[in-house]
PDB file of N, CA and C in Angstrom:
ATOM      1  N   MET A   1     190.007 147.209  25.174  1.00  0.00           N
ATOM      2  CA  MET A   1     189.137 146.062  25.015  1.00  0.00           C
ATOM      3  C   MET A   1     188.366 146.116  23.698  1.00  0.00           C
ATOM      4  N   PHE A   2     187.871 147.263  23.314  1.00  0.00           N
ATOM      5  CA  PHE A   2     187.077 147.397  22.108  1.00  0.00           C
ATOM      6  C   PHE A   2     187.859 146.976  20.871  1.00  0.00           C
ATOM      7  N   PHE A   3     189.133 147.313  20.816  1.00  0.00           N
ATOM      8  CA  PHE A   3     189.944 147.019  19.640  1.00  0.00           C
ATOM      9  C   PHE A   3     190.369 145.560  19.562  1.00  0.00           C
ATOM     10  N   LYS A   4     190.204 144.812  20.602  1.00  0.00           N
ATOM     11  CA  LYS A   4     190.600 143.411  20.615  1.00  0.00           C
ATOM     12  C   LYS A   4     189.466 142.467  20.216  1.00  0.00           C
ATOM     13  N   LYS A   5     188.290 143.008  19.960  1.00  0.00           N
ATOM     14  CA  LYS A   5     187.157 142.162  19.570  1.00  0.00           C
ATOM     15  C   LYS A   5     187.394 141.586  18.180  1.00  0.00           C
ATOM     16  N   ARG A   6     186.851 140.399  17.967  1.00  0.00           N
ATOM     17  CA  ARG A   6     186.950 139.768  16.654  1.00  0.00           C
ATOM     18  C   ARG A   6     186.157 140.574  15.626  1.00  0.00           C
ATOM     19  N   LYS A   7     186.554 140.446  14.384  1.00  0.00           N
ATOM     20  CA  LYS A   7     185.859 141.150  13.317  1.00  0.00           C
ATOM     21  C   LYS A   7     184.480 140.550  13.082  1.00  0.00           C
ATOM     22  N   LEU A   8     183.607 141.362  12.574  1.00  0.00           N
ATOM     23  CA  LEU A   8     182.246 140.961  12.276  1.00  0.00           C
ATOM     24  C   LEU A   8     182.248 140.010  11.084  1.00  0.00           C
ATOM     25  N   ASN A   9     181.609 138.883  11.220  1.00  0.00           N
ATOM     26  CA  ASN A   9     181.522 137.905  10.147  1.00  0.00           C
ATOM     27  C   ASN A   9     180.284 138.220   9.311  1.00  0.00           C
ATOM     28  N   LYS A  10     180.494 138.846   8.164  1.00  0.00           N
ATOM     29  CA  LYS A  10     179.376 139.293   7.323  1.00  0.00           C
ATOM     30  C   LYS A  10     178.605 138.134   6.708  1.00  0.00           C
ATOM     31  N   ASN A  11     179.259 136.997   6.496  1.00  0.00           N
ATOM     32  CA  ASN A  11     178.556 135.860   5.910  1.00  0.00           C
ATOM     33  C   ASN A  11     177.448 135.360   6.827  1.00  0.00           C
ATOM     34  N   ASN A  12     177.702 135.302   8.130  1.00  0.00           N
ATOM     35  CA  ASN A  12     176.671 134.852   9.069  1.00  0.00           C
ATOM     36  C   ASN A  12     175.504 135.818   9.111  1.00  0.00           C
ATOM     37  N   ILE A  13     175.791 137.099   9.063  1.00  0.00           N
ATOM     38  CA  ILE A  13     174.726 138.105   9.105  1.00  0.00           C
ATOM     39  C   ILE A  13     173.867 138.015   7.851  1.00  0.00           C
ATOM     40  N   LYS A  14     174.502 137.851   6.693  1.00  0.00           N
ATOM     41  CA  LYS A  14     173.755 137.739   5.443  1.00  0.00           C
ATOM     42  C   LYS A  14     172.862 136.495   5.463  1.00  0.00           C
ATOM     43  N   PHE A  15     173.392 135.373   5.958  1.00  0.00           N
ATOM     44  CA  PHE A  15     172.612 134.146   6.034  1.00  0.00           C
ATOM     45  C   PHE A  15     171.413 134.327   6.951  1.00  0.00           C
ATOM     46  N   MET A  16     171.622 134.934   8.119  1.00  0.00           N
ATOM     47  CA  MET A  16     170.521 135.131   9.068  1.00  0.00           C
ATOM     48  C   MET A  16     169.471 136.055   8.479  1.00  0.00           C
ATOM     49  N   ALA A  17     169.876 137.104   7.773  1.00  0.00           N
ATOM     50  CA  ALA A  17     168.916 138.023   7.164  1.00  0.00           C
ATOM     51  C   ALA A  17     168.100 137.319   6.089  1.00  0.00           C
ATOM     52  N   GLU A  18     168.744 136.500   5.278  1.00  0.00           N
ATOM     53  CA  GLU A  18     168.017 135.750   4.250  1.00  0.00           C
ATOM     54  C   GLU A  18     167.046 134.770   4.878  1.00  0.00           C
ATOM     55  N   LEU A  19     167.452 134.127   5.949  1.00  0.00           N
ATOM     56  CA  LEU A  19     166.594 133.159   6.618  1.00  0.00           C
ATOM     57  C   LEU A  19     165.349 133.824   7.189  1.00  0.00           C
ATOM     58  N   LEU A  20     165.468 135.057   7.662  1.00  0.00           N
ATOM     59  CA  LEU A  20     164.328 135.754   8.237  1.00  0.00           C
ATOM     60  C   LEU A  20     163.281 136.140   7.192  1.00  0.00           C
ATOM     61  N   TYR A  21     163.698 136.305   5.940  1.00  0.00           N
ATOM     62  CA  TYR A  21     162.768 136.800   4.930  1.00  0.00           C
ATOM     63  C   TYR A  21     162.469 135.795   3.833  1.00  0.00           C
ATOM     64  N   GLU A  22     162.859 134.549   4.006  1.00  0.00           N
ATOM     65  CA  GLU A  22     162.521 133.503   3.053  1.00  0.00           C
ATOM     66  C   GLU A  22     161.494 132.566   3.665  1.00  0.00           C
ATOM     67  N   ASP A  23     160.650 131.997   2.815  1.00  0.00           N
ATOM     68  CA  ASP A  23     159.733 130.960   3.269  1.00  0.00           C
ATOM     69  C   ASP A  23     160.501 129.647   3.298  1.00  0.00           C
ATOM     70  N   VAL A  24     160.897 129.222   4.474  1.00  0.00           N
ATOM     71  CA  VAL A  24     161.657 127.984   4.582  1.00  0.00           C
ATOM     72  C   VAL A  24     160.772 126.811   4.974  1.00  0.00           C
ATOM     73  N   SER A  25     159.531 127.094   5.271  1.00  0.00           N
ATOM     74  CA  SER A  25     158.611 126.045   5.691  1.00  0.00           C
ATOM     75  C   SER A  25     157.692 125.670   4.531  1.00  0.00           C
ATOM     76  N   SER A  26     157.371 124.402   4.450  1.00  0.00           N
ATOM     77  CA  SER A  26     156.419 123.955   3.432  1.00  0.00           C
ATOM     78  C   SER A  26     154.982 123.978   3.947  1.00  0.00           C
ATOM     79  N   GLU A  27     154.800 124.272   5.223  1.00  0.00           N
ATOM     80  CA  GLU A  27     153.456 124.323   5.818  1.00  0.00           C
ATOM     81  C   GLU A  27     152.704 125.569   5.340  1.00  0.00           C
ATOM     82  N   LYS A  28     151.469 125.382   4.929  1.00  0.00           N
ATOM     83  CA  LYS A  28     150.647 126.497   4.436  1.00  0.00           C
ATOM     84  C   LYS A  28     150.390 127.530   5.528  1.00  0.00           C
ATOM     85  N   TRP A  29     150.153 127.066   6.777  1.00  0.00           N
ATOM     86  CA  TRP A  29     149.901 128.005   7.878  1.00  0.00           C
ATOM     87  C   TRP A  29     151.110 128.905   8.095  1.00  0.00           C
ATOM     88  N   ASP A  30     152.288 128.327   8.085  1.00  0.00           N
ATOM     89  CA  ASP A  30     153.517 129.102   8.283  1.00  0.00           C
ATOM     90  C   ASP A  30     153.689 130.139   7.184  1.00  0.00           C
ATOM     91  N   GLN A  31     153.478 129.733   5.941  1.00  0.00           N
ATOM     92  CA  GLN A  31     153.645 130.647   4.819  1.00  0.00           C
ATOM     93  C   GLN A  31     152.628 131.783   4.847  1.00  0.00           C
ATOM     94  N   ALA A  32     151.427 131.501   5.318  1.00  0.00           N
ATOM     95  CA  ALA A  32     150.382 132.521   5.353  1.00  0.00           C
ATOM     96  C   ALA A  32     150.536 133.478   6.528  1.00  0.00           C
ATOM     97  N   ASN A  33     151.019 132.988   7.667  1.00  0.00           N
ATOM     98  CA  ASN A  33     151.024 133.804   8.874  1.00  0.00           C
ATOM     99  C   ASN A  33     152.392 134.347   9.278  1.00  0.00           C
ATOM    100  N   LEU A  34     153.448 133.615   9.009  1.00  0.00           N
ATOM    101  CA  LEU A  34     154.778 134.049   9.433  1.00  0.00           C
ATOM    102  C   LEU A  34     155.455 134.819   8.302  1.00  0.00           C
ATOM    103  N   THR A  35     154.908 135.993   8.023  1.00  0.00           N
ATOM    104  CA  THR A  35     155.436 136.841   6.964  1.00  0.00           C
ATOM    105  C   THR A  35     156.071 138.087   7.556  1.00  0.00           C
ATOM    106  N   LYS A  36     156.831 138.766   6.733  1.00  0.00           N
ATOM    107  CA  LYS A  36     157.498 139.989   7.173  1.00  0.00           C
ATOM    108  C   LYS A  36     156.475 141.030   7.656  1.00  0.00           C
ATOM    109  N   ASP A  37     155.368 141.136   6.967  1.00  0.00           N
ATOM    110  CA  ASP A  37     154.337 142.111   7.348  1.00  0.00           C
ATOM    111  C   ASP A  37     153.647 141.744   8.659  1.00  0.00           C
ATOM    112  N   ASN A  38     153.427 140.462   8.894  1.00  0.00           N
ATOM    113  CA  ASN A  38     152.730 140.028  10.111  1.00  0.00           C
ATOM    114  C   ASN A  38     153.623 140.051  11.343  1.00  0.00           C
ATOM    115  N   LEU A  39     154.917 139.832  11.181  1.00  0.00           N
ATOM    116  CA  LEU A  39     155.837 139.790  12.324  1.00  0.00           C
ATOM    117  C   LEU A  39     156.466 141.163  12.521  1.00  0.00           C
ATOM    118  N   ASN A  40     155.686 142.072  13.092  1.00  0.00           N
ATOM    119  CA  ASN A  40     156.111 143.463  13.235  1.00  0.00           C
ATOM    120  C   ASN A  40     156.179 143.931  14.692  1.00  0.00           C
ATOM    121  N   LEU A  41     156.315 142.994  15.611  1.00  0.00           N
ATOM    122  CA  LEU A  41     156.413 143.258  17.051  1.00  0.00           C
ATOM    123  C   LEU A  41     155.137 143.820  17.661  1.00  0.00           C
ATOM    124  N   SER A  42     154.011 143.623  16.983  1.00  0.00           N
ATOM    125  CA  SER A  42     152.725 144.020  17.559  1.00  0.00           C
ATOM    126  C   SER A  42     152.222 142.891  18.461  1.00  0.00           C
ATOM    127  N   ILE A  43     151.153 143.165  19.187  1.00  0.00           N
ATOM    128  CA  ILE A  43     150.544 142.148  20.041  1.00  0.00           C
ATOM    129  C   ILE A  43     150.085 140.962  19.194  1.00  0.00           C
ATOM    130  N   GLU A  44     149.518 141.243  18.036  1.00  0.00           N
ATOM    131  CA  GLU A  44     149.057 140.180  17.144  1.00  0.00           C
ATOM    132  C   GLU A  44     150.224 139.313  16.669  1.00  0.00           C
ATOM    133  N   SER A  45     151.366 139.919  16.388  1.00  0.00           N
ATOM    134  CA  SER A  45     152.514 139.131  15.929  1.00  0.00           C
ATOM    135  C   SER A  45     153.072 138.248  17.041  1.00  0.00           C
ATOM    136  N   VAL A  46     153.001 138.719  18.272  1.00  0.00           N
ATOM    137  CA  VAL A  46     153.433 137.897  19.404  1.00  0.00           C
ATOM    138  C   VAL A  46     152.500 136.694  19.547  1.00  0.00           C
ATOM    139  N   ARG A  47     151.207 136.915  19.314  1.00  0.00           N
ATOM    140  CA  ARG A  47     150.244 135.815  19.353  1.00  0.00           C
ATOM    141  C   ARG A  47     150.556 134.788  18.264  1.00  0.00           C
ATOM    142  N   LEU A  48     150.921 135.259  17.071  1.00  0.00           N
ATOM    143  CA  LEU A  48     151.263 134.343  15.980  1.00  0.00           C
ATOM    144  C   LEU A  48     152.502 133.512  16.316  1.00  0.00           C
ATOM    145  N   VAL A  49     153.506 134.139  16.905  1.00  0.00           N
ATOM    146  CA  VAL A  49     154.721 133.409  17.277  1.00  0.00           C
ATOM    147  C   VAL A  49     154.405 132.387  18.361  1.00  0.00           C
ATOM    148  N   ASP A  50     153.544 132.757  19.307  1.00  0.00           N
ATOM    149  CA  ASP A  50     153.141 131.836  20.365  1.00  0.00           C
ATOM    150  C   ASP A  50     152.386 130.634  19.776  1.00  0.00           C
ATOM    151  N   GLU A  51     151.493 130.915  18.848  1.00  0.00           N
ATOM    152  CA  GLU A  51     150.745 129.826  18.203  1.00  0.00           C
ATOM    153  C   GLU A  51     151.683 128.937  17.383  1.00  0.00           C
ATOM    154  N   TYR A  52     152.655 129.546  16.705  1.00  0.00           N
ATOM    155  CA  TYR A  52     153.625 128.774  15.938  1.00  0.00           C
ATOM    156  C   TYR A  52     154.446 127.864  16.851  1.00  0.00           C
ATOM    157  N   ALA A  53     154.895 128.396  17.988  1.00  0.00           N
ATOM    158  CA  ALA A  53     155.673 127.592  18.932  1.00  0.00           C
ATOM    159  C   ALA A  53     154.834 126.430  19.464  1.00  0.00           C
ATOM    160  N   ASP A  54     153.567 126.688  19.739  1.00  0.00           N
ATOM    161  CA  ASP A  54     152.673 125.631  20.222  1.00  0.00           C
ATOM    162  C   ASP A  54     152.483 124.558  19.148  1.00  0.00           C
ATOM    163  N   ARG A  55     152.295 124.974  17.896  1.00  0.00           N
ATOM    164  CA  ARG A  55     152.147 124.017  16.795  1.00  0.00           C
ATOM    165  C   ARG A  55     153.426 123.204  16.624  1.00  0.00           C
ATOM    166  N   LEU A  56     154.571 123.866  16.745  1.00  0.00           N
ATOM    167  CA  LEU A  56     155.857 123.203  16.563  1.00  0.00           C
ATOM    168  C   LEU A  56     156.126 122.171  17.651  1.00  0.00           C
ATOM    169  N   MET A  57     155.693 122.455  18.874  1.00  0.00           N
ATOM    170  CA  MET A  57     155.917 121.525  19.984  1.00  0.00           C
ATOM    171  C   MET A  57     155.174 120.203  19.780  1.00  0.00           C
ATOM    172  N   HIS A  58     154.117 120.216  18.987  1.00  0.00           N
ATOM    173  CA  HIS A  58     153.319 119.015  18.778  1.00  0.00           C
ATOM    174  C   HIS A  58     153.694 118.269  17.509  1.00  0.00           C
ATOM    175  N   THR A  59     154.886 118.524  16.985  1.00  0.00           N
ATOM    176  CA  THR A  59     155.357 117.813  15.795  1.00  0.00           C
ATOM    177  C   THR A  59     156.563 116.951  16.175  1.00  0.00           C
ATOM    178  N   ASP A  60     156.924 116.042  15.296  1.00  0.00           N
ATOM    179  CA  ASP A  60     158.128 115.234  15.532  1.00  0.00           C
ATOM    180  C   ASP A  60     159.357 116.114  15.562  1.00  0.00           C
ATOM    181  N   PHE A  61     159.407 117.127  14.700  1.00  0.00           N
ATOM    182  CA  PHE A  61     160.556 118.042  14.677  1.00  0.00           C
ATOM    183  C   PHE A  61     160.692 118.802  16.003  1.00  0.00           C
ATOM    184  N   GLY A  62     159.551 119.177  16.579  1.00  0.00           N
ATOM    185  CA  GLY A  62     159.549 119.924  17.834  1.00  0.00           C
ATOM    186  C   GLY A  62     159.932 119.081  19.048  1.00  0.00           C
ATOM    187  N   GLN A  63     159.788 117.784  18.930  1.00  0.00           N
ATOM    188  CA  GLN A  63     160.136 116.903  20.040  1.00  0.00           C
ATOM    189  C   GLN A  63     161.616 116.701  20.091  1.00  0.00           C
TER     190      GLN A  63
END
């Protein structure tokens, strides 16, 4: 079974890695809070992600 798996698509992995570390949002709050240093799996970073999700739900894009 292991040998029959499809090969790893490196292009998708590279794109996802770039997306995680680039500022893709034009919102000042997102740029200030959703940074590599702040999103470190701490309790505070979970709070930031929760606040971001709440902010996103109240936008046209989030609907």
